[in-house]
Structure formats: structure tokens, C-alpha cells
Amino acid sequence: TLARHFEKETGLSFRQWRQQARLI
């Protein structure tokens, strides 16, 4: 459920979002 909500609200999977946060 969290994965579904996360991708719906950010347009990214949780893994993709975390990677970009670390990249920044």
C-alpha cells in the first residue's frame, strides 16, 4: 500500500526516490 501511494504522489518508486535523494 505504501509503495502504491508513494509512486502515485511522487511519480517515482520508493527506490528511485531514495536514490535521487542520495544523489542530491
PDBML (XML) file of the C-alpha atoms, coordinates in Angstrom:
<?xml version="1.0" encoding="UTF-8" ?>
<PDBx:datablock datablockName="MODEL"
   xmlns:PDBx="http://pdbml.pdb.org/schema/pdbx-v50.xsd"
   xmlns:xsi="http://www.w3.org/2001/XMLSchema-instance"
   xsi:schemaLocation="http://pdbml.pdb.org/schema/pdbx-v50.xsd pdbx-v50.xsd">
   <PDBx:atom_siteCategory>
      <PDBx:atom_site id="1">
         <PDBx:B_iso_or_equiv>0.00</PDBx:B_iso_or_equiv>
         <PDBx:Cartn_x>0.000</PDBx:Cartn_x>
         <PDBx:Cartn_y>0.000</PDBx:Cartn_y>
         <PDBx:Cartn_z>0.000</PDBx:Cartn_z>
         <PDBx:auth_asym_id>A</PDBx:auth_asym_id>
         <PDBx:auth_atom_id>CA</PDBx:auth_atom_id>
         <PDBx:auth_comp_id>THR</PDBx:auth_comp_id>
         <PDBx:auth_seq_id>1</PDBx:auth_seq_id>
         <PDBx:group_PDB>ATOM</PDBx:group_PDB>
         <PDBx:label_alt_id xsi:nil="true" />
         <PDBx:label_asym_id>A</PDBx:label_asym_id>
         <PDBx:label_atom_id>CA</PDBx:label_atom_id>
         <PDBx:label_comp_id>THR</PDBx:label_comp_id>
         <PDBx:label_entity_id>1</PDBx:label_entity_id>
         <PDBx:label_seq_id>1</PDBx:label_seq_id>
         <PDBx:occupancy>1.00</PDBx:occupancy>
         <PDBx:pdbx_PDB_model_num>1</PDBx:pdbx_PDB_model_num>
         <PDBx:type_symbol>C</PDBx:type_symbol>
      </PDBx:atom_site>
      <PDBx:atom_site id="2">
         <PDBx:B_iso_or_equiv>0.00</PDBx:B_iso_or_equiv>
         <PDBx:Cartn_x>2.811</PDBx:Cartn_x>
         <PDBx:Cartn_y>2.402</PDBx:Cartn_y>
         <PDBx:Cartn_z>0.869</PDBx:Cartn_z>
         <PDBx:auth_asym_id>A</PDBx:auth_asym_id>
         <PDBx:auth_atom_id>CA</PDBx:auth_atom_id>
         <PDBx:auth_comp_id>LEU</PDBx:auth_comp_id>
         <PDBx:auth_seq_id>2</PDBx:auth_seq_id>
         <PDBx:group_PDB>ATOM</PDBx:group_PDB>
         <PDBx:label_alt_id xsi:nil="true" />
         <PDBx:label_asym_id>A</PDBx:label_asym_id>
         <PDBx:label_atom_id>CA</PDBx:label_atom_id>
         <PDBx:label_comp_id>LEU</PDBx:label_comp_id>
         <PDBx:label_entity_id>1</PDBx:label_entity_id>
         <PDBx:label_seq_id>2</PDBx:label_seq_id>
         <PDBx:occupancy>1.00</PDBx:occupancy>
         <PDBx:pdbx_PDB_model_num>1</PDBx:pdbx_PDB_model_num>
         <PDBx:type_symbol>C</PDBx:type_symbol>
      </PDBx:atom_site>
      <PDBx:atom_site id="3">
         <PDBx:B_iso_or_equiv>0.00</PDBx:B_iso_or_equiv>
         <PDBx:Cartn_x>4.597</PDBx:Cartn_x>
         <PDBx:Cartn_y>1.673</PDBx:Cartn_y>
         <PDBx:Cartn_z>-2.398</PDBx:Cartn_z>
         <PDBx:auth_asym_id>A</PDBx:auth_asym_id>
         <PDBx:auth_atom_id>CA</PDBx:auth_atom_id>
         <PDBx:auth_comp_id>ALA</PDBx:auth_comp_id>
         <PDBx:auth_seq_id>3</PDBx:auth_seq_id>
         <PDBx:group_PDB>ATOM</PDBx:group_PDB>
         <PDBx:label_alt_id xsi:nil="true" />
         <PDBx:label_asym_id>A</PDBx:label_asym_id>
         <PDBx:label_atom_id>CA</PDBx:label_atom_id>
         <PDBx:label_comp_id>ALA</PDBx:label_comp_id>
         <PDBx:label_entity_id>1</PDBx:label_entity_id>
         <PDBx:label_seq_id>3</PDBx:label_seq_id>
         <PDBx:occupancy>1.00</PDBx:occupancy>
         <PDBx:pdbx_PDB_model_num>1</PDBx:pdbx_PDB_model_num>
         <PDBx:type_symbol>C</PDBx:type_symbol>
      </PDBx:atom_site>
      <PDBx:atom_site id="4">
         <PDBx:B_iso_or_equiv>0.00</PDBx:B_iso_or_equiv>
         <PDBx:Cartn_x>1.413</PDBx:Cartn_x>
         <PDBx:Cartn_y>2.371</PDBx:Cartn_y>
         <PDBx:Cartn_z>-4.338</PDBx:Cartn_z>
         <PDBx:auth_asym_id>A</PDBx:auth_asym_id>
         <PDBx:auth_atom_id>CA</PDBx:auth_atom_id>
         <PDBx:auth_comp_id>ARG</PDBx:auth_comp_id>
         <PDBx:auth_seq_id>4</PDBx:auth_seq_id>
         <PDBx:group_PDB>ATOM</PDBx:group_PDB>
         <PDBx:label_alt_id xsi:nil="true" />
         <PDBx:label_asym_id>A</PDBx:label_asym_id>
         <PDBx:label_atom_id>CA</PDBx:label_atom_id>
         <PDBx:label_comp_id>ARG</PDBx:label_comp_id>
         <PDBx:label_entity_id>1</PDBx:label_entity_id>
         <PDBx:label_seq_id>4</PDBx:label_seq_id>
         <PDBx:occupancy>1.00</PDBx:occupancy>
         <PDBx:pdbx_PDB_model_num>1</PDBx:pdbx_PDB_model_num>
         <PDBx:type_symbol>C</PDBx:type_symbol>
      </PDBx:atom_site>
      <PDBx:atom_site id="5">
         <PDBx:B_iso_or_equiv>0.00</PDBx:B_iso_or_equiv>
         <PDBx:Cartn_x>0.751</PDBx:Cartn_x>
         <PDBx:Cartn_y>5.671</PDBx:Cartn_y>
         <PDBx:Cartn_z>-2.539</PDBx:Cartn_z>
         <PDBx:auth_asym_id>A</PDBx:auth_asym_id>
         <PDBx:auth_atom_id>CA</PDBx:auth_atom_id>
         <PDBx:auth_comp_id>HIS</PDBx:auth_comp_id>
         <PDBx:auth_seq_id>5</PDBx:auth_seq_id>
         <PDBx:group_PDB>ATOM</PDBx:group_PDB>
         <PDBx:label_alt_id xsi:nil="true" />
         <PDBx:label_asym_id>A</PDBx:label_asym_id>
         <PDBx:label_atom_id>CA</PDBx:label_atom_id>
         <PDBx:label_comp_id>HIS</PDBx:label_comp_id>
         <PDBx:label_entity_id>1</PDBx:label_entity_id>
         <PDBx:label_seq_id>5</PDBx:label_seq_id>
         <PDBx:occupancy>1.00</PDBx:occupancy>
         <PDBx:pdbx_PDB_model_num>1</PDBx:pdbx_PDB_model_num>
         <PDBx:type_symbol>C</PDBx:type_symbol>
      </PDBx:atom_site>
      <PDBx:atom_site id="6">
         <PDBx:B_iso_or_equiv>0.00</PDBx:B_iso_or_equiv>
         <PDBx:Cartn_x>4.389</PDBx:Cartn_x>
         <PDBx:Cartn_y>6.708</PDBx:Cartn_y>
         <PDBx:Cartn_z>-2.815</PDBx:Cartn_z>
         <PDBx:auth_asym_id>A</PDBx:auth_asym_id>
         <PDBx:auth_atom_id>CA</PDBx:auth_atom_id>
         <PDBx:auth_comp_id>PHE</PDBx:auth_comp_id>
         <PDBx:auth_seq_id>6</PDBx:auth_seq_id>
         <PDBx:group_PDB>ATOM</PDBx:group_PDB>
         <PDBx:label_alt_id xsi:nil="true" />
         <PDBx:label_asym_id>A</PDBx:label_asym_id>
         <PDBx:label_atom_id>CA</PDBx:label_atom_id>
         <PDBx:label_comp_id>PHE</PDBx:label_comp_id>
         <PDBx:label_entity_id>1</PDBx:label_entity_id>
         <PDBx:label_seq_id>6</PDBx:label_seq_id>
         <PDBx:occupancy>1.00</PDBx:occupancy>
         <PDBx:pdbx_PDB_model_num>1</PDBx:pdbx_PDB_model_num>
         <PDBx:type_symbol>C</PDBx:type_symbol>
      </PDBx:atom_site>
      <PDBx:atom_site id="7">
         <PDBx:B_iso_or_equiv>0.00</PDBx:B_iso_or_equiv>
         <PDBx:Cartn_x>4.515</PDBx:Cartn_x>
         <PDBx:Cartn_y>6.265</PDBx:Cartn_y>
         <PDBx:Cartn_z>-6.580</PDBx:Cartn_z>
         <PDBx:auth_asym_id>A</PDBx:auth_asym_id>
         <PDBx:auth_atom_id>CA</PDBx:auth_atom_id>
         <PDBx:auth_comp_id>GLU</PDBx:auth_comp_id>
         <PDBx:auth_seq_id>7</PDBx:auth_seq_id>
         <PDBx:group_PDB>ATOM</PDBx:group_PDB>
         <PDBx:label_alt_id xsi:nil="true" />
         <PDBx:label_asym_id>A</PDBx:label_asym_id>
         <PDBx:label_atom_id>CA</PDBx:label_atom_id>
         <PDBx:label_comp_id>GLU</PDBx:label_comp_id>
         <PDBx:label_entity_id>1</PDBx:label_entity_id>
         <PDBx:label_seq_id>7</PDBx:label_seq_id>
         <PDBx:occupancy>1.00</PDBx:occupancy>
         <PDBx:pdbx_PDB_model_num>1</PDBx:pdbx_PDB_model_num>
         <PDBx:type_symbol>C</PDBx:type_symbol>
      </PDBx:atom_site>
      <PDBx:atom_site id="8">
         <PDBx:B_iso_or_equiv>0.00</PDBx:B_iso_or_equiv>
         <PDBx:Cartn_x>1.110</PDBx:Cartn_x>
         <PDBx:Cartn_y>7.873</PDBx:Cartn_y>
         <PDBx:Cartn_z>-7.062</PDBx:Cartn_z>
         <PDBx:auth_asym_id>A</PDBx:auth_asym_id>
         <PDBx:auth_atom_id>CA</PDBx:auth_atom_id>
         <PDBx:auth_comp_id>LYS</PDBx:auth_comp_id>
         <PDBx:auth_seq_id>8</PDBx:auth_seq_id>
         <PDBx:group_PDB>ATOM</PDBx:group_PDB>
         <PDBx:label_alt_id xsi:nil="true" />
         <PDBx:label_asym_id>A</PDBx:label_asym_id>
         <PDBx:label_atom_id>CA</PDBx:label_atom_id>
         <PDBx:label_comp_id>LYS</PDBx:label_comp_id>
         <PDBx:label_entity_id>1</PDBx:label_entity_id>
         <PDBx:label_seq_id>8</PDBx:label_seq_id>
         <PDBx:occupancy>1.00</PDBx:occupancy>
         <PDBx:pdbx_PDB_model_num>1</PDBx:pdbx_PDB_model_num>
         <PDBx:type_symbol>C</PDBx:type_symbol>
      </PDBx:atom_site>
      <PDBx:atom_site id="9">
         <PDBx:B_iso_or_equiv>0.00</PDBx:B_iso_or_equiv>
         <PDBx:Cartn_x>2.118</PDBx:Cartn_x>
         <PDBx:Cartn_y>11.040</PDBx:Cartn_y>
         <PDBx:Cartn_z>-5.182</PDBx:Cartn_z>
         <PDBx:auth_asym_id>A</PDBx:auth_asym_id>
         <PDBx:auth_atom_id>CA</PDBx:auth_atom_id>
         <PDBx:auth_comp_id>GLU</PDBx:auth_comp_id>
         <PDBx:auth_seq_id>9</PDBx:auth_seq_id>
         <PDBx:group_PDB>ATOM</PDBx:group_PDB>
         <PDBx:label_alt_id xsi:nil="true" />
         <PDBx:label_asym_id>A</PDBx:label_asym_id>
         <PDBx:label_atom_id>CA</PDBx:label_atom_id>
         <PDBx:label_comp_id>GLU</PDBx:label_comp_id>
         <PDBx:label_entity_id>1</PDBx:label_entity_id>
         <PDBx:label_seq_id>9</PDBx:label_seq_id>
         <PDBx:occupancy>1.00</PDBx:occupancy>
         <PDBx:pdbx_PDB_model_num>1</PDBx:pdbx_PDB_model_num>
         <PDBx:type_symbol>C</PDBx:type_symbol>
      </PDBx:atom_site>
      <PDBx:atom_site id="10">
         <PDBx:B_iso_or_equiv>0.00</PDBx:B_iso_or_equiv>
         <PDBx:Cartn_x>5.724</PDBx:Cartn_x>
         <PDBx:Cartn_y>11.433</PDBx:Cartn_y>
         <PDBx:Cartn_z>-6.391</PDBx:Cartn_z>
         <PDBx:auth_asym_id>A</PDBx:auth_asym_id>
         <PDBx:auth_atom_id>CA</PDBx:auth_atom_id>
         <PDBx:auth_comp_id>THR</PDBx:auth_comp_id>
         <PDBx:auth_seq_id>10</PDBx:auth_seq_id>
         <PDBx:group_PDB>ATOM</PDBx:group_PDB>
         <PDBx:label_alt_id xsi:nil="true" />
         <PDBx:label_asym_id>A</PDBx:label_asym_id>
         <PDBx:label_atom_id>CA</PDBx:label_atom_id>
         <PDBx:label_comp_id>THR</PDBx:label_comp_id>
         <PDBx:label_entity_id>1</PDBx:label_entity_id>
         <PDBx:label_seq_id>10</PDBx:label_seq_id>
         <PDBx:occupancy>1.00</PDBx:occupancy>
         <PDBx:pdbx_PDB_model_num>1</PDBx:pdbx_PDB_model_num>
         <PDBx:type_symbol>C</PDBx:type_symbol>
      </PDBx:atom_site>
      <PDBx:atom_site id="11">
         <PDBx:B_iso_or_equiv>0.00</PDBx:B_iso_or_equiv>
         <PDBx:Cartn_x>5.733</PDBx:Cartn_x>
         <PDBx:Cartn_y>9.714</PDBx:Cartn_y>
         <PDBx:Cartn_z>-9.787</PDBx:Cartn_z>
         <PDBx:auth_asym_id>A</PDBx:auth_asym_id>
         <PDBx:auth_atom_id>CA</PDBx:auth_atom_id>
         <PDBx:auth_comp_id>GLY</PDBx:auth_comp_id>
         <PDBx:auth_seq_id>11</PDBx:auth_seq_id>
         <PDBx:group_PDB>ATOM</PDBx:group_PDB>
         <PDBx:label_alt_id xsi:nil="true" />
         <PDBx:label_asym_id>A</PDBx:label_asym_id>
         <PDBx:label_atom_id>CA</PDBx:label_atom_id>
         <PDBx:label_comp_id>GLY</PDBx:label_comp_id>
         <PDBx:label_entity_id>1</PDBx:label_entity_id>
         <PDBx:label_seq_id>11</PDBx:label_seq_id>
         <PDBx:occupancy>1.00</PDBx:occupancy>
         <PDBx:pdbx_PDB_model_num>1</PDBx:pdbx_PDB_model_num>
         <PDBx:type_symbol>C</PDBx:type_symbol>
      </PDBx:atom_site>
      <PDBx:atom_site id="12">
         <PDBx:B_iso_or_equiv>0.00</PDBx:B_iso_or_equiv>
         <PDBx:Cartn_x>8.719</PDBx:Cartn_x>
         <PDBx:Cartn_y>7.635</PDBx:Cartn_y>
         <PDBx:Cartn_z>-8.638</PDBx:Cartn_z>
         <PDBx:auth_asym_id>A</PDBx:auth_asym_id>
         <PDBx:auth_atom_id>CA</PDBx:auth_atom_id>
         <PDBx:auth_comp_id>LEU</PDBx:auth_comp_id>
         <PDBx:auth_seq_id>12</PDBx:auth_seq_id>
         <PDBx:group_PDB>ATOM</PDBx:group_PDB>
         <PDBx:label_alt_id xsi:nil="true" />
         <PDBx:label_asym_id>A</PDBx:label_asym_id>
         <PDBx:label_atom_id>CA</PDBx:label_atom_id>
         <PDBx:label_comp_id>LEU</PDBx:label_comp_id>
         <PDBx:label_entity_id>1</PDBx:label_entity_id>
         <PDBx:label_seq_id>12</PDBx:label_seq_id>
         <PDBx:occupancy>1.00</PDBx:occupancy>
         <PDBx:pdbx_PDB_model_num>1</PDBx:pdbx_PDB_model_num>
         <PDBx:type_symbol>C</PDBx:type_symbol>
      </PDBx:atom_site>
      <PDBx:atom_site id="13">
         <PDBx:B_iso_or_equiv>0.00</PDBx:B_iso_or_equiv>
         <PDBx:Cartn_x>9.081</PDBx:Cartn_x>
         <PDBx:Cartn_y>4.287</PDBx:Cartn_y>
         <PDBx:Cartn_z>-6.966</PDBx:Cartn_z>
         <PDBx:auth_asym_id>A</PDBx:auth_asym_id>
         <PDBx:auth_atom_id>CA</PDBx:auth_atom_id>
         <PDBx:auth_comp_id>SER</PDBx:auth_comp_id>
         <PDBx:auth_seq_id>13</PDBx:auth_seq_id>
         <PDBx:group_PDB>ATOM</PDBx:group_PDB>
         <PDBx:label_alt_id xsi:nil="true" />
         <PDBx:label_asym_id>A</PDBx:label_asym_id>
         <PDBx:label_atom_id>CA</PDBx:label_atom_id>
         <PDBx:label_comp_id>SER</PDBx:label_comp_id>
         <PDBx:label_entity_id>1</PDBx:label_entity_id>
         <PDBx:label_seq_id>13</PDBx:label_seq_id>
         <PDBx:occupancy>1.00</PDBx:occupancy>
         <PDBx:pdbx_PDB_model_num>1</PDBx:pdbx_PDB_model_num>
         <PDBx:type_symbol>C</PDBx:type_symbol>
      </PDBx:atom_site>
      <PDBx:atom_site id="14">
         <PDBx:B_iso_or_equiv>0.00</PDBx:B_iso_or_equiv>
         <PDBx:Cartn_x>10.389</PDBx:Cartn_x>
         <PDBx:Cartn_y>4.371</PDBx:Cartn_y>
         <PDBx:Cartn_z>-3.406</PDBx:Cartn_z>
         <PDBx:auth_asym_id>A</PDBx:auth_asym_id>
         <PDBx:auth_atom_id>CA</PDBx:auth_atom_id>
         <PDBx:auth_comp_id>PHE</PDBx:auth_comp_id>
         <PDBx:auth_seq_id>14</PDBx:auth_seq_id>
         <PDBx:group_PDB>ATOM</PDBx:group_PDB>
         <PDBx:label_alt_id xsi:nil="true" />
         <PDBx:label_asym_id>A</PDBx:label_asym_id>
         <PDBx:label_atom_id>CA</PDBx:label_atom_id>
         <PDBx:label_comp_id>PHE</PDBx:label_comp_id>
         <PDBx:label_entity_id>1</PDBx:label_entity_id>
         <PDBx:label_seq_id>14</PDBx:label_seq_id>
         <PDBx:occupancy>1.00</PDBx:occupancy>
         <PDBx:pdbx_PDB_model_num>1</PDBx:pdbx_PDB_model_num>
         <PDBx:type_symbol>C</PDBx:type_symbol>
      </PDBx:atom_site>
      <PDBx:atom_site id="15">
         <PDBx:B_iso_or_equiv>0.00</PDBx:B_iso_or_equiv>
         <PDBx:Cartn_x>13.747</PDBx:Cartn_x>
         <PDBx:Cartn_y>3.013</PDBx:Cartn_y>
         <PDBx:Cartn_z>-4.579</PDBx:Cartn_z>
         <PDBx:auth_asym_id>A</PDBx:auth_asym_id>
         <PDBx:auth_atom_id>CA</PDBx:auth_atom_id>
         <PDBx:auth_comp_id>ARG</PDBx:auth_comp_id>
         <PDBx:auth_seq_id>15</PDBx:auth_seq_id>
         <PDBx:group_PDB>ATOM</PDBx:group_PDB>
         <PDBx:label_alt_id xsi:nil="true" />
         <PDBx:label_asym_id>A</PDBx:label_asym_id>
         <PDBx:label_atom_id>CA</PDBx:label_atom_id>
         <PDBx:label_comp_id>ARG</PDBx:label_comp_id>
         <PDBx:label_entity_id>1</PDBx:label_entity_id>
         <PDBx:label_seq_id>15</PDBx:label_seq_id>
         <PDBx:occupancy>1.00</PDBx:occupancy>
         <PDBx:pdbx_PDB_model_num>1</PDBx:pdbx_PDB_model_num>
         <PDBx:type_symbol>C</PDBx:type_symbol>
      </PDBx:atom_site>
      <PDBx:atom_site id="16">
         <PDBx:B_iso_or_equiv>0.00</PDBx:B_iso_or_equiv>
         <PDBx:Cartn_x>14.065</PDBx:Cartn_x>
         <PDBx:Cartn_y>5.627</PDBx:Cartn_y>
         <PDBx:Cartn_z>-7.347</PDBx:Cartn_z>
         <PDBx:auth_asym_id>A</PDBx:auth_asym_id>
         <PDBx:auth_atom_id>CA</PDBx:auth_atom_id>
         <PDBx:auth_comp_id>GLN</PDBx:auth_comp_id>
         <PDBx:auth_seq_id>16</PDBx:auth_seq_id>
         <PDBx:group_PDB>ATOM</PDBx:group_PDB>
         <PDBx:label_alt_id xsi:nil="true" />
         <PDBx:label_asym_id>A</PDBx:label_asym_id>
         <PDBx:label_atom_id>CA</PDBx:label_atom_id>
         <PDBx:label_comp_id>GLN</PDBx:label_comp_id>
         <PDBx:label_entity_id>1</PDBx:label_entity_id>
         <PDBx:label_seq_id>16</PDBx:label_seq_id>
         <PDBx:occupancy>1.00</PDBx:occupancy>
         <PDBx:pdbx_PDB_model_num>1</PDBx:pdbx_PDB_model_num>
         <PDBx:type_symbol>C</PDBx:type_symbol>
      </PDBx:atom_site>
      <PDBx:atom_site id="17">
         <PDBx:B_iso_or_equiv>0.00</PDBx:B_iso_or_equiv>
         <PDBx:Cartn_x>13.126</PDBx:Cartn_x>
         <PDBx:Cartn_y>8.449</PDBx:Cartn_y>
         <PDBx:Cartn_z>-4.968</PDBx:Cartn_z>
         <PDBx:auth_asym_id>A</PDBx:auth_asym_id>
         <PDBx:auth_atom_id>CA</PDBx:auth_atom_id>
         <PDBx:auth_comp_id>TRP</PDBx:auth_comp_id>
         <PDBx:auth_seq_id>17</PDBx:auth_seq_id>
         <PDBx:group_PDB>ATOM</PDBx:group_PDB>
         <PDBx:label_alt_id xsi:nil="true" />
         <PDBx:label_asym_id>A</PDBx:label_asym_id>
         <PDBx:label_atom_id>CA</PDBx:label_atom_id>
         <PDBx:label_comp_id>TRP</PDBx:label_comp_id>
         <PDBx:label_entity_id>1</PDBx:label_entity_id>
         <PDBx:label_seq_id>17</PDBx:label_seq_id>
         <PDBx:occupancy>1.00</PDBx:occupancy>
         <PDBx:pdbx_PDB_model_num>1</PDBx:pdbx_PDB_model_num>
         <PDBx:type_symbol>C</PDBx:type_symbol>
      </PDBx:atom_site>
      <PDBx:atom_site id="18">
         <PDBx:B_iso_or_equiv>0.00</PDBx:B_iso_or_equiv>
         <PDBx:Cartn_x>15.609</PDBx:Cartn_x>
         <PDBx:Cartn_y>7.373</PDBx:Cartn_y>
         <PDBx:Cartn_z>-2.298</PDBx:Cartn_z>
         <PDBx:auth_asym_id>A</PDBx:auth_asym_id>
         <PDBx:auth_atom_id>CA</PDBx:auth_atom_id>
         <PDBx:auth_comp_id>ARG</PDBx:auth_comp_id>
         <PDBx:auth_seq_id>18</PDBx:auth_seq_id>
         <PDBx:group_PDB>ATOM</PDBx:group_PDB>
         <PDBx:label_alt_id xsi:nil="true" />
         <PDBx:label_asym_id>A</PDBx:label_asym_id>
         <PDBx:label_atom_id>CA</PDBx:label_atom_id>
         <PDBx:label_comp_id>ARG</PDBx:label_comp_id>
         <PDBx:label_entity_id>1</PDBx:label_entity_id>
         <PDBx:label_seq_id>18</PDBx:label_seq_id>
         <PDBx:occupancy>1.00</PDBx:occupancy>
         <PDBx:pdbx_PDB_model_num>1</PDBx:pdbx_PDB_model_num>
         <PDBx:type_symbol>C</PDBx:type_symbol>
      </PDBx:atom_site>
      <PDBx:atom_site id="19">
         <PDBx:B_iso_or_equiv>0.00</PDBx:B_iso_or_equiv>
         <PDBx:Cartn_x>18.378</PDBx:Cartn_x>
         <PDBx:Cartn_y>7.104</PDBx:Cartn_y>
         <PDBx:Cartn_z>-4.900</PDBx:Cartn_z>
         <PDBx:auth_asym_id>A</PDBx:auth_asym_id>
         <PDBx:auth_atom_id>CA</PDBx:auth_atom_id>
         <PDBx:auth_comp_id>GLN</PDBx:auth_comp_id>
         <PDBx:auth_seq_id>19</PDBx:auth_seq_id>
         <PDBx:group_PDB>ATOM</PDBx:group_PDB>
         <PDBx:label_alt_id xsi:nil="true" />
         <PDBx:label_asym_id>A</PDBx:label_asym_id>
         <PDBx:label_atom_id>CA</PDBx:label_atom_id>
         <PDBx:label_comp_id>GLN</PDBx:label_comp_id>
         <PDBx:label_entity_id>1</PDBx:label_entity_id>
         <PDBx:label_seq_id>19</PDBx:label_seq_id>
         <PDBx:occupancy>1.00</PDBx:occupancy>
         <PDBx:pdbx_PDB_model_num>1</PDBx:pdbx_PDB_model_num>
         <PDBx:type_symbol>C</PDBx:type_symbol>
      </PDBx:atom_site>
      <PDBx:atom_site id="20">
         <PDBx:B_iso_or_equiv>0.00</PDBx:B_iso_or_equiv>
         <PDBx:Cartn_x>17.694</PDBx:Cartn_x>
         <PDBx:Cartn_y>10.662</PDBx:Cartn_y>
         <PDBx:Cartn_z>-6.097</PDBx:Cartn_z>
         <PDBx:auth_asym_id>A</PDBx:auth_asym_id>
         <PDBx:auth_atom_id>CA</PDBx:auth_atom_id>
         <PDBx:auth_comp_id>GLN</PDBx:auth_comp_id>
         <PDBx:auth_seq_id>20</PDBx:auth_seq_id>
         <PDBx:group_PDB>ATOM</PDBx:group_PDB>
         <PDBx:label_alt_id xsi:nil="true" />
         <PDBx:label_asym_id>A</PDBx:label_asym_id>
         <PDBx:label_atom_id>CA</PDBx:label_atom_id>
         <PDBx:label_comp_id>GLN</PDBx:label_comp_id>
         <PDBx:label_entity_id>1</PDBx:label_entity_id>
         <PDBx:label_seq_id>20</PDBx:label_seq_id>
         <PDBx:occupancy>1.00</PDBx:occupancy>
         <PDBx:pdbx_PDB_model_num>1</PDBx:pdbx_PDB_model_num>
         <PDBx:type_symbol>C</PDBx:type_symbol>
      </PDBx:atom_site>
      <PDBx:atom_site id="21">
         <PDBx:B_iso_or_equiv>0.00</PDBx:B_iso_or_equiv>
         <PDBx:Cartn_x>17.668</PDBx:Cartn_x>
         <PDBx:Cartn_y>11.962</PDBx:Cartn_y>
         <PDBx:Cartn_z>-2.522</PDBx:Cartn_z>
         <PDBx:auth_asym_id>A</PDBx:auth_asym_id>
         <PDBx:auth_atom_id>CA</PDBx:auth_atom_id>
         <PDBx:auth_comp_id>ALA</PDBx:auth_comp_id>
         <PDBx:auth_seq_id>21</PDBx:auth_seq_id>
         <PDBx:group_PDB>ATOM</PDBx:group_PDB>
         <PDBx:label_alt_id xsi:nil="true" />
         <PDBx:label_asym_id>A</PDBx:label_asym_id>
         <PDBx:label_atom_id>CA</PDBx:label_atom_id>
         <PDBx:label_comp_id>ALA</PDBx:label_comp_id>
         <PDBx:label_entity_id>1</PDBx:label_entity_id>
         <PDBx:label_seq_id>21</PDBx:label_seq_id>
         <PDBx:occupancy>1.00</PDBx:occupancy>
         <PDBx:pdbx_PDB_model_num>1</PDBx:pdbx_PDB_model_num>
         <PDBx:type_symbol>C</PDBx:type_symbol>
      </PDBx:atom_site>
      <PDBx:atom_site id="22">
         <PDBx:B_iso_or_equiv>0.00</PDBx:B_iso_or_equiv>
         <PDBx:Cartn_x>21.074</PDBx:Cartn_x>
         <PDBx:Cartn_y>10.374</PDBx:Cartn_y>
         <PDBx:Cartn_z>-2.006</PDBx:Cartn_z>
         <PDBx:auth_asym_id>A</PDBx:auth_asym_id>
         <PDBx:auth_atom_id>CA</PDBx:auth_atom_id>
         <PDBx:auth_comp_id>ARG</PDBx:auth_comp_id>
         <PDBx:auth_seq_id>22</PDBx:auth_seq_id>
         <PDBx:group_PDB>ATOM</PDBx:group_PDB>
         <PDBx:label_alt_id xsi:nil="true" />
         <PDBx:label_asym_id>A</PDBx:label_asym_id>
         <PDBx:label_atom_id>CA</PDBx:label_atom_id>
         <PDBx:label_comp_id>ARG</PDBx:label_comp_id>
         <PDBx:label_entity_id>1</PDBx:label_entity_id>
         <PDBx:label_seq_id>22</PDBx:label_seq_id>
         <PDBx:occupancy>1.00</PDBx:occupancy>
         <PDBx:pdbx_PDB_model_num>1</PDBx:pdbx_PDB_model_num>
         <PDBx:type_symbol>C</PDBx:type_symbol>
      </PDBx:atom_site>
      <PDBx:atom_site id="23">
         <PDBx:B_iso_or_equiv>0.00</PDBx:B_iso_or_equiv>
         <PDBx:Cartn_x>22.322</PDBx:Cartn_x>
         <PDBx:Cartn_y>11.723</PDBx:Cartn_y>
         <PDBx:Cartn_z>-5.332</PDBx:Cartn_z>
         <PDBx:auth_asym_id>A</PDBx:auth_asym_id>
         <PDBx:auth_atom_id>CA</PDBx:auth_atom_id>
         <PDBx:auth_comp_id>LEU</PDBx:auth_comp_id>
         <PDBx:auth_seq_id>23</PDBx:auth_seq_id>
         <PDBx:group_PDB>ATOM</PDBx:group_PDB>
         <PDBx:label_alt_id xsi:nil="true" />
         <PDBx:label_asym_id>A</PDBx:label_asym_id>
         <PDBx:label_atom_id>CA</PDBx:label_atom_id>
         <PDBx:label_comp_id>LEU</PDBx:label_comp_id>
         <PDBx:label_entity_id>1</PDBx:label_entity_id>
         <PDBx:label_seq_id>23</PDBx:label_seq_id>
         <PDBx:occupancy>1.00</PDBx:occupancy>
         <PDBx:pdbx_PDB_model_num>1</PDBx:pdbx_PDB_model_num>
         <PDBx:type_symbol>C</PDBx:type_symbol>
      </PDBx:atom_site>
      <PDBx:atom_site id="24">
         <PDBx:B_iso_or_equiv>0.00</PDBx:B_iso_or_equiv>
         <PDBx:Cartn_x>21.397</PDBx:Cartn_x>
         <PDBx:Cartn_y>15.264</PDBx:Cartn_y>
         <PDBx:Cartn_z>-4.303</PDBx:Cartn_z>
         <PDBx:auth_asym_id>A</PDBx:auth_asym_id>
         <PDBx:auth_atom_id>CA</PDBx:auth_atom_id>
         <PDBx:auth_comp_id>ILE</PDBx:auth_comp_id>
         <PDBx:auth_seq_id>24</PDBx:auth_seq_id>
         <PDBx:group_PDB>ATOM</PDBx:group_PDB>
         <PDBx:label_alt_id xsi:nil="true" />
         <PDBx:label_asym_id>A</PDBx:label_asym_id>
         <PDBx:label_atom_id>CA</PDBx:label_atom_id>
         <PDBx:label_comp_id>ILE</PDBx:label_comp_id>
         <PDBx:label_entity_id>1</PDBx:label_entity_id>
         <PDBx:label_seq_id>24</PDBx:label_seq_id>
         <PDBx:occupancy>1.00</PDBx:occupancy>
         <PDBx:pdbx_PDB_model_num>1</PDBx:pdbx_PDB_model_num>
         <PDBx:type_symbol>C</PDBx:type_symbol>
      </PDBx:atom_site>
   </PDBx:atom_siteCategory>
</PDBx:datablock>
